[in-house]
Amino acid sequence: MAWTIEYGPAALRALRKLDRQTVARIAGFMTDRVAGGGNPRDHGKALVGSFRGQWRYRVGDHRVICNIDDARGVILILDLGDRKDVYR
């Protein structure tokens, strides 16, 4: 099953602040490895605490926070950023 990637408003704002090389790296990872593969949970890690129900993907020093909607086949990117700031 091929997954569709959608970006939330916070993720789009965060992407605008990053350099082109980092944006290309994150987009490539999400498109090729996460959405292109079978199960998007194979490449990520489930979050706990106040982020319960969300998944994170590690792309270098950046983290991509997502919701996975199995019924629609959509990976919604909620936020992304440097690993030291993204969970705040």
PDB file of N, CA and C in Angstrom:
ATOM      1  N   MET A   1       0.847  -1.183   0.000  1.00  0.00           N
ATOM      2  CA  MET A   1       0.000   0.000   0.000  1.00  0.00           C
ATOM      3  C   MET A   1       0.890   1.243   0.000  1.00  0.00           C
ATOM      4  N   ALA A   2       0.625   2.126  -0.911  1.00  0.00           N
ATOM      5  CA  ALA A   2       1.362   3.394  -0.958  1.00  0.00           C
ATOM      6  C   ALA A   2       0.667   4.408  -0.058  1.00  0.00           C
ATOM      7  N   TRP A   3       1.442   5.114   0.706  1.00  0.00           N
ATOM      8  CA  TRP A   3       0.924   6.099   1.646  1.00  0.00           C
ATOM      9  C   TRP A   3       1.048   7.490   1.057  1.00  0.00           C
ATOM     10  N   THR A   4       0.143   8.366   1.456  1.00  0.00           N
ATOM     11  CA  THR A   4       0.170   9.771   1.048  1.00  0.00           C
ATOM     12  C   THR A   4       0.697  10.601   2.210  1.00  0.00           C
ATOM     13  N   ILE A   5       1.523  11.591   1.887  1.00  0.00           N
ATOM     14  CA  ILE A   5       2.065  12.474   2.910  1.00  0.00           C
ATOM     15  C   ILE A   5       1.382  13.824   2.819  1.00  0.00           C
ATOM     16  N   GLU A   6       0.885  14.311   3.958  1.00  0.00           N
ATOM     17  CA  GLU A   6       0.288  15.640   4.051  1.00  0.00           C
ATOM     18  C   GLU A   6       1.037  16.429   5.117  1.00  0.00           C
ATOM     19  N   TYR A   7       1.085  17.750   4.933  1.00  0.00           N
ATOM     20  CA  TYR A   7       1.808  18.624   5.860  1.00  0.00           C
ATOM     21  C   TYR A   7       0.827  19.531   6.583  1.00  0.00           C
ATOM     22  N   GLY A   8       0.960  19.604   7.900  1.00  0.00           N
ATOM     23  CA  GLY A   8       0.173  20.518   8.708  1.00  0.00           C
ATOM     24  C   GLY A   8       0.786  21.913   8.664  1.00  0.00           C
ATOM     25  N   PRO A   9       0.068  22.922   9.167  1.00  0.00           N
ATOM     26  CA  PRO A   9       0.558  24.306   9.129  1.00  0.00           C
ATOM     27  C   PRO A   9       1.883  24.507   9.860  1.00  0.00           C
ATOM     28  N   ALA A  10       2.057  23.871  11.011  1.00  0.00           N
ATOM     29  CA  ALA A  10       3.310  24.025  11.764  1.00  0.00           C
ATOM     30  C   ALA A  10       4.479  23.414  11.001  1.00  0.00           C
ATOM     31  N   ALA A  11       4.244  22.300  10.330  1.00  0.00           N
ATOM     32  CA  ALA A  11       5.296  21.658   9.547  1.00  0.00           C
ATOM     33  C   ALA A  11       5.700  22.526   8.358  1.00  0.00           C
ATOM     34  N   LEU A  12       4.733  23.152   7.706  1.00  0.00           N
ATOM     35  CA  LEU A  12       5.056  24.028   6.576  1.00  0.00           C
ATOM     36  C   LEU A  12       5.864  25.245   7.025  1.00  0.00           C
ATOM     37  N   ARG A  13       5.507  25.809   8.182  1.00  0.00           N
ATOM     38  CA  ARG A  13       6.280  26.935   8.727  1.00  0.00           C
ATOM     39  C   ARG A  13       7.709  26.507   9.042  1.00  0.00           C
ATOM     40  N   ALA A  14       7.858  25.327   9.622  1.00  0.00           N
ATOM     41  CA  ALA A  14       9.191  24.832   9.974  1.00  0.00           C
ATOM     42  C   ALA A  14      10.027  24.557   8.733  1.00  0.00           C
ATOM     43  N   LEU A  15       9.404  24.046   7.673  1.00  0.00           N
ATOM     44  CA  LEU A  15      10.131  23.776   6.433  1.00  0.00           C
ATOM     45  C   LEU A  15      10.659  25.060   5.800  1.00  0.00           C
ATOM     46  N   ARG A  16       9.896  26.135   5.893  1.00  0.00           N
ATOM     47  CA  ARG A  16      10.329  27.409   5.309  1.00  0.00           C
ATOM     48  C   ARG A  16      11.581  27.957   5.991  1.00  0.00           C
ATOM     49  N   LYS A  17      11.802  27.577   7.239  1.00  0.00           N
ATOM     50  CA  LYS A  17      12.954  28.080   7.995  1.00  0.00           C
ATOM     51  C   LYS A  17      14.229  27.282   7.737  1.00  0.00           C
ATOM     52  N   LEU A  18      14.113  26.116   7.126  1.00  0.00           N
ATOM     53  CA  LEU A  18      15.263  25.249   6.906  1.00  0.00           C
ATOM     54  C   LEU A  18      15.914  25.529   5.555  1.00  0.00           C
ATOM     55  N   ASP A  19      17.191  25.151   5.435  1.00  0.00           N
ATOM     56  CA  ASP A  19      17.881  25.317   4.148  1.00  0.00           C
ATOM     57  C   ASP A  19      17.400  24.245   3.168  1.00  0.00           C
ATOM     58  N   ARG A  20      17.631  24.487   1.895  1.00  0.00           N
ATOM     59  CA  ARG A  20      17.100  23.608   0.841  1.00  0.00           C
ATOM     60  C   ARG A  20      17.625  22.183   0.937  1.00  0.00           C
ATOM     61  N   GLN A  21      18.883  22.043   1.292  1.00  0.00           N
ATOM     62  CA  GLN A  21      19.475  20.712   1.387  1.00  0.00           C
ATOM     63  C   GLN A  21      18.784  19.877   2.471  1.00  0.00           C
ATOM     64  N   THR A  22      18.513  20.480   3.602  1.00  0.00           N
ATOM     65  CA  THR A  22      17.830  19.774   4.697  1.00  0.00           C
ATOM     66  C   THR A  22      16.402  19.437   4.317  1.00  0.00           C
ATOM     67  N   VAL A  23      15.714  20.366   3.669  1.00  0.00           N
ATOM     68  CA  VAL A  23      14.339  20.118   3.225  1.00  0.00           C
ATOM     69  C   VAL A  23      14.312  18.948   2.237  1.00  0.00           C
ATOM     70  N   ALA A  24      15.254  18.934   1.303  1.00  0.00           N
ATOM     71  CA  ALA A  24      15.314  17.849   0.320  1.00  0.00           C
ATOM     72  C   ALA A  24      15.596  16.513   1.003  1.00  0.00           C
ATOM     73  N   ARG A  25      16.454  16.526   2.008  1.00  0.00           N
ATOM     74  CA  ARG A  25      16.775  15.295   2.718  1.00  0.00           C
ATOM     75  C   ARG A  25      15.563  14.758   3.476  1.00  0.00           C
ATOM     76  N   ILE A  26      14.845  15.644   4.150  1.00  0.00           N
ATOM     77  CA  ILE A  26      13.656  15.226   4.898  1.00  0.00           C
ATOM     78  C   ILE A  26      12.561  14.750   3.946  1.00  0.00           C
ATOM     79  N   ALA A  27      12.307  15.511   2.888  1.00  0.00           N
ATOM     80  CA  ALA A  27      11.267  15.127   1.927  1.00  0.00           C
ATOM     81  C   ALA A  27      11.606  13.805   1.248  1.00  0.00           C
ATOM     82  N   GLY A  28      12.861  13.608   0.901  1.00  0.00           N
ATOM     83  CA  GLY A  28      13.279  12.358   0.278  1.00  0.00           C
ATOM     84  C   GLY A  28      13.096  11.166   1.206  1.00  0.00           C
ATOM     85  N   PHE A  29      13.476  11.344   2.455  1.00  0.00           N
ATOM     86  CA  PHE A  29      13.309  10.271   3.433  1.00  0.00           C
ATOM     87  C   PHE A  29      11.840   9.916   3.601  1.00  0.00           C
ATOM     88  N   MET A  30      11.006  10.931   3.782  1.00  0.00           N
ATOM     89  CA  MET A  30       9.584  10.676   4.010  1.00  0.00           C
ATOM     90  C   MET A  30       8.922  10.050   2.781  1.00  0.00           C
ATOM     91  N   THR A  31       9.293  10.490   1.605  1.00  0.00           N
ATOM     92  CA  THR A  31       8.692   9.966   0.376  1.00  0.00           C
ATOM     93  C   THR A  31       9.187   8.561   0.059  1.00  0.00           C
ATOM     94  N   ASP A  32      10.496   8.373   0.066  1.00  0.00           N
ATOM     95  CA  ASP A  32      11.074   7.103  -0.364  1.00  0.00           C
ATOM     96  C   ASP A  32      10.955   5.997   0.679  1.00  0.00           C
ATOM     97  N   ARG A  33      11.392   6.283   1.889  1.00  0.00           N
ATOM     98  CA  ARG A  33      11.478   5.229   2.889  1.00  0.00           C
ATOM     99  C   ARG A  33      10.176   5.027   3.657  1.00  0.00           C
ATOM    100  N   VAL A  34       9.524   6.107   4.048  1.00  0.00           N
ATOM    101  CA  VAL A  34       8.340   5.963   4.900  1.00  0.00           C
ATOM    102  C   VAL A  34       7.081   5.707   4.068  1.00  0.00           C
ATOM    103  N   ALA A  35       6.779   6.600   3.122  1.00  0.00           N
ATOM    104  CA  ALA A  35       5.554   6.456   2.328  1.00  0.00           C
ATOM    105  C   ALA A  35       5.693   5.392   1.251  1.00  0.00           C
ATOM    106  N   GLY A  36       6.882   5.184   0.741  1.00  0.00           N
ATOM    107  CA  GLY A  36       7.084   4.225  -0.341  1.00  0.00           C
ATOM    108  C   GLY A  36       7.116   2.786   0.121  1.00  0.00           C
ATOM    109  N   GLY A  37       7.474   2.569   1.365  1.00  0.00           N
ATOM    110  CA  GLY A  37       7.558   1.213   1.901  1.00  0.00           C
ATOM    111  C   GLY A  37       6.188   0.690   2.290  1.00  0.00           C
ATOM    112  N   GLY A  38       6.191  -0.478   2.872  1.00  0.00           N
ATOM    113  CA  GLY A  38       4.927  -1.087   3.281  1.00  0.00           C
ATOM    114  C   GLY A  38       4.303  -0.432   4.487  1.00  0.00           C
ATOM    115  N   ASN A  39       4.916  -0.610   5.639  1.00  0.00           N
ATOM    116  CA  ASN A  39       4.356  -0.112   6.888  1.00  0.00           C
ATOM    117  C   ASN A  39       5.192   1.070   7.369  1.00  0.00           C
ATOM    118  N   PRO A  40       4.600   2.265   7.503  1.00  0.00           N
ATOM    119  CA  PRO A  40       5.390   3.420   7.943  1.00  0.00           C
ATOM    120  C   PRO A  40       5.890   3.295   9.378  1.00  0.00           C
ATOM    121  N   ARG A  41       5.330   2.406  10.144  1.00  0.00           N
ATOM    122  CA  ARG A  41       5.764   2.225  11.531  1.00  0.00           C
ATOM    123  C   ARG A  41       7.101   1.491  11.621  1.00  0.00           C
ATOM    124  N   ASP A  42       7.533   0.858  10.527  1.00  0.00           N
ATOM    125  CA  ASP A  42       8.808   0.147  10.521  1.00  0.00           C
ATOM    126  C   ASP A  42       9.995   1.095  10.635  1.00  0.00           C
ATOM    127  N   HIS A  43       9.851   2.329  10.189  1.00  0.00           N
ATOM    128  CA  HIS A  43      10.967   3.277  10.148  1.00  0.00           C
ATOM    129  C   HIS A  43      10.924   4.300  11.270  1.00  0.00           C
ATOM    130  N   GLY A  44       9.842   4.335  12.028  1.00  0.00           N
ATOM    131  CA  GLY A  44       9.690   5.351  13.064  1.00  0.00           C
ATOM    132  C   GLY A  44       9.628   4.760  14.453  1.00  0.00           C
ATOM    133  N   LYS A  45       9.314   5.637  15.384  1.00  0.00           N
ATOM    134  CA  LYS A  45       9.212   5.227  16.775  1.00  0.00           C
ATOM    135  C   LYS A  45       7.967   5.878  17.378  1.00  0.00           C
ATOM    136  N   ALA A  46       7.205   5.098  18.117  1.00  0.00           N
ATOM    137  CA  ALA A  46       6.007   5.626  18.772  1.00  0.00           C
ATOM    138  C   ALA A  46       6.421   6.536  19.921  1.00  0.00           C
ATOM    139  N   LEU A  47       5.730   7.646  20.060  1.00  0.00           N
ATOM    140  CA  LEU A  47       6.017   8.581  21.141  1.00  0.00           C
ATOM    141  C   LEU A  47       5.126   8.280  22.345  1.00  0.00           C
ATOM    142  N   VAL A  48       5.553   8.737  23.501  1.00  0.00           N
ATOM    143  CA  VAL A  48       4.825   8.485  24.740  1.00  0.00           C
ATOM    144  C   VAL A  48       4.531   9.807  25.441  1.00  0.00           C
ATOM    145  N   GLY A  49       3.830   9.729  26.554  1.00  0.00           N
ATOM    146  CA  GLY A  49       3.525  10.928  27.330  1.00  0.00           C
ATOM    147  C   GLY A  49       2.487  11.787  26.639  1.00  0.00           C
ATOM    148  N   SER A  50       2.736  13.087  26.602  1.00  0.00           N
ATOM    149  CA  SER A  50       1.770  14.006  25.997  1.00  0.00           C
ATOM    150  C   SER A  50       1.722  13.867  24.475  1.00  0.00           C
ATOM    151  N   PHE A  51       2.678  13.148  23.893  1.00  0.00           N
ATOM    152  CA  PHE A  51       2.705  12.920  22.446  1.00  0.00           C
ATOM    153  C   PHE A  51       2.169  11.540  22.077  1.00  0.00           C
ATOM    154  N   ARG A  52       1.536  10.870  23.003  1.00  0.00           N
ATOM    155  CA  ARG A  52       1.036   9.513  22.766  1.00  0.00           C
ATOM    156  C   ARG A  52       0.149   9.474  21.523  1.00  0.00           C
ATOM    157  N   GLY A  53       0.328   8.448  20.717  1.00  0.00           N
ATOM    158  CA  GLY A  53      -0.443   8.284  19.488  1.00  0.00           C
ATOM    159  C   GLY A  53       0.245   8.867  18.271  1.00  0.00           C
ATOM    160  N   GLN A  54       1.342   9.567  18.482  1.00  0.00           N
ATOM    161  CA  GLN A  54       2.089  10.154  17.370  1.00  0.00           C
ATOM    162  C   GLN A  54       3.371   9.356  17.157  1.00  0.00           C
ATOM    163  N   TRP A  55       3.940   9.532  15.985  1.00  0.00           N
ATOM    164  CA  TRP A  55       5.166   8.830  15.615  1.00  0.00           C
ATOM    165  C   TRP A  55       6.236   9.844  15.279  1.00  0.00           C
ATOM    166  N   ARG A  56       7.491   9.449  15.470  1.00  0.00           N
ATOM    167  CA  ARG A  56       8.593  10.322  15.109  1.00  0.00           C
ATOM    168  C   ARG A  56       9.556   9.570  14.200  1.00  0.00           C
ATOM    169  N   TYR A  57      10.121  10.331  13.294  1.00  0.00           N
ATOM    170  CA  TYR A  57      11.134   9.814  12.388  1.00  0.00           C
ATOM    171  C   TYR A  57      12.392  10.638  12.564  1.00  0.00           C
ATOM    172  N   ARG A  58      13.525   9.985  12.571  1.00  0.00           N
ATOM    173  CA  ARG A  58      14.807  10.656  12.747  1.00  0.00           C
ATOM    174  C   ARG A  58      15.475  10.810  11.394  1.00  0.00           C
ATOM    175  N   VAL A  59      15.766  12.071  11.031  1.00  0.00           N
ATOM    176  CA  VAL A  59      16.463  12.367   9.782  1.00  0.00           C
ATOM    177  C   VAL A  59      17.650  13.241  10.162  1.00  0.00           C
ATOM    178  N   GLY A  60      18.805  12.623  10.382  1.00  0.00           N
ATOM    179  CA  GLY A  60      19.974  13.364  10.846  1.00  0.00           C
ATOM    180  C   GLY A  60      19.711  13.934  12.229  1.00  0.00           C
ATOM    181  N   ASP A  61      19.926  15.232  12.391  1.00  0.00           N
ATOM    182  CA  ASP A  61      19.671  15.896  13.672  1.00  0.00           C
ATOM    183  C   ASP A  61      18.248  16.420  13.782  1.00  0.00           C
ATOM    184  N   HIS A  62      17.415  16.124  12.798  1.00  0.00           N
ATOM    185  CA  HIS A  62      16.040  16.613  12.789  1.00  0.00           C
ATOM    186  C   HIS A  62      15.073  15.488  13.116  1.00  0.00           C
ATOM    187  N   ARG A  63      13.937  15.869  13.678  1.00  0.00           N
ATOM    188  CA  ARG A  63      12.876  14.922  13.993  1.00  0.00           C
ATOM    189  C   ARG A  63      11.601  15.369  13.289  1.00  0.00           C
ATOM    190  N   VAL A  64      10.875  14.400  12.762  1.00  0.00           N
ATOM    191  CA  VAL A  64       9.611  14.650  12.077  1.00  0.00           C
ATOM    192  C   VAL A  64       8.523  13.983  12.904  1.00  0.00           C
ATOM    193  N   ILE A  65       7.567  14.778  13.405  1.00  0.00           N
ATOM    194  CA  ILE A  65       6.478  14.289  14.241  1.00  0.00           C
ATOM    195  C   ILE A  65       5.241  14.107  13.365  1.00  0.00           C
ATOM    196  N   CYS A  66       4.645  12.909  13.405  1.00  0.00           N
ATOM    197  CA  CYS A  66       3.544  12.577  12.495  1.00  0.00           C
ATOM    198  C   CYS A  66       2.407  11.864  13.203  1.00  0.00           C
ATOM    199  N   ASN A  67       1.244  11.931  12.570  1.00  0.00           N
ATOM    200  CA  ASN A  67       0.107  11.067  12.881  1.00  0.00           C
ATOM    201  C   ASN A  67      -0.066  10.140  11.689  1.00  0.00           C
ATOM    202  N   ILE A  68      -0.378   8.895  11.963  1.00  0.00           N
ATOM    203  CA  ILE A  68      -0.590   7.925  10.896  1.00  0.00           C
ATOM    204  C   ILE A  68      -2.055   7.533  10.898  1.00  0.00           C
ATOM    205  N   ASP A  69      -2.733   7.770   9.777  1.00  0.00           N
ATOM    206  CA  ASP A  69      -4.151   7.443   9.624  1.00  0.00           C
ATOM    207  C   ASP A  69      -4.265   6.216   8.720  1.00  0.00           C
ATOM    208  N   ASP A  70      -4.442   5.054   9.322  1.00  0.00           N
ATOM    209  CA  ASP A  70      -4.502   3.813   8.563  1.00  0.00           C
ATOM    210  C   ASP A  70      -5.721   3.747   7.655  1.00  0.00           C
ATOM    211  N   ALA A  71      -6.841   4.274   8.098  1.00  0.00           N
ATOM    212  CA  ALA A  71      -8.079   4.187   7.323  1.00  0.00           C
ATOM    213  C   ALA A  71      -7.966   4.919   5.987  1.00  0.00           C
ATOM    214  N   ARG A  72      -7.323   6.089   6.001  1.00  0.00           N
ATOM    215  CA  ARG A  72      -7.173   6.888   4.779  1.00  0.00           C
ATOM    216  C   ARG A  72      -5.848   6.643   4.067  1.00  0.00           C
ATOM    217  N   GLY A  73      -4.893   6.015   4.725  1.00  0.00           N
ATOM    218  CA  GLY A  73      -3.583   5.795   4.133  1.00  0.00           C
ATOM    219  C   GLY A  73      -2.776   7.079   4.052  1.00  0.00           C
ATOM    220  N   VAL A  74      -2.874   7.911   5.111  1.00  0.00           N
ATOM    221  CA  VAL A  74      -2.234   9.224   5.126  1.00  0.00           C
ATOM    222  C   VAL A  74      -1.279   9.338   6.304  1.00  0.00           C
ATOM    223  N   ILE A  75      -0.111   9.903   6.031  1.00  0.00           N
ATOM    224  CA  ILE A  75       0.840  10.265   7.067  1.00  0.00           C
ATOM    225  C   ILE A  75       0.805  11.786   7.155  1.00  0.00           C
ATOM    226  N   LEU A  76       0.289  12.319   8.254  1.00  0.00           N
ATOM    227  CA  LEU A  76       0.167  13.760   8.450  1.00  0.00           C
ATOM    228  C   LEU A  76       1.356  14.243   9.265  1.00  0.00           C
ATOM    229  N   ILE A  77       2.208  15.059   8.648  1.00  0.00           N
ATOM    230  CA  ILE A  77       3.364  15.612   9.340  1.00  0.00           C
ATOM    231  C   ILE A  77       2.886  16.822  10.126  1.00  0.00           C
ATOM    232  N   LEU A  78       2.956  16.712  11.445  1.00  0.00           N
ATOM    233  CA  LEU A  78       2.467  17.767  12.325  1.00  0.00           C
ATOM    234  C   LEU A  78       3.517  18.838  12.566  1.00  0.00           C
ATOM    235  N   ASP A  79       4.756  18.416  12.804  1.00  0.00           N
ATOM    236  CA  ASP A  79       5.825  19.362  13.106  1.00  0.00           C
ATOM    237  C   ASP A  79       7.153  18.703  12.798  1.00  0.00           C
ATOM    238  N   LEU A  80       8.166  19.509  12.621  1.00  0.00           N
ATOM    239  CA  LEU A  80       9.514  19.007  12.430  1.00  0.00           C
ATOM    240  C   LEU A  80      10.484  20.069  12.886  1.00  0.00           C
ATOM    241  N   GLY A  81      11.669  19.638  13.220  1.00  0.00           N
ATOM    242  CA  GLY A  81      12.669  20.577  13.669  1.00  0.00           C
ATOM    243  C   GLY A  81      13.874  19.876  14.243  1.00  0.00           C
ATOM    244  N   ASP A  82      14.798  20.664  14.737  1.00  0.00           N
ATOM    245  CA  ASP A  82      15.994  20.134  15.354  1.00  0.00           C
ATOM    246  C   ASP A  82      15.611  19.316  16.580  1.00  0.00           C
ATOM    247  N   ARG A  83      16.338  18.269  16.840  1.00  0.00           N
ATOM    248  CA  ARG A  83      15.974  17.335  17.913  1.00  0.00           C
ATOM    249  C   ARG A  83      15.915  17.986  19.280  1.00  0.00           C
ATOM    250  N   LYS A  84      16.649  19.080  19.490  1.00  0.00           N
ATOM    251  CA  LYS A  84      16.646  19.720  20.808  1.00  0.00           C
ATOM    252  C   LYS A  84      15.422  20.606  21.026  1.00  0.00           C
ATOM    253  N   ASP A  85      14.720  20.983  19.947  1.00  0.00           N
ATOM    254  CA  ASP A  85      13.611  21.936  20.057  1.00  0.00           C
ATOM    255  C   ASP A  85      12.245  21.370  19.696  1.00  0.00           C
ATOM    256  N   VAL A  86      12.182  20.289  18.982  1.00  0.00           N
ATOM    257  CA  VAL A  86      10.921  19.850  18.385  1.00  0.00           C
ATOM    258  C   VAL A  86       9.903  19.365  19.406  1.00  0.00           C
ATOM    259  N   TYR A  87      10.340  18.877  20.554  1.00  0.00           N
ATOM    260  CA  TYR A  87       9.406  18.332  21.540  1.00  0.00           C
ATOM    261  C   TYR A  87       8.880  19.380  22.521  1.00  0.00           C
ATOM    262  N   ARG A  88       9.270  20.610  22.382  1.00  0.00           N
ATOM    263  CA  ARG A  88       8.839  21.664  23.309  1.00  0.00           C
ATOM    264  C   ARG A  88       7.523  22.247  22.904  1.00  0.00           C
TER     265      ARG A  88
END
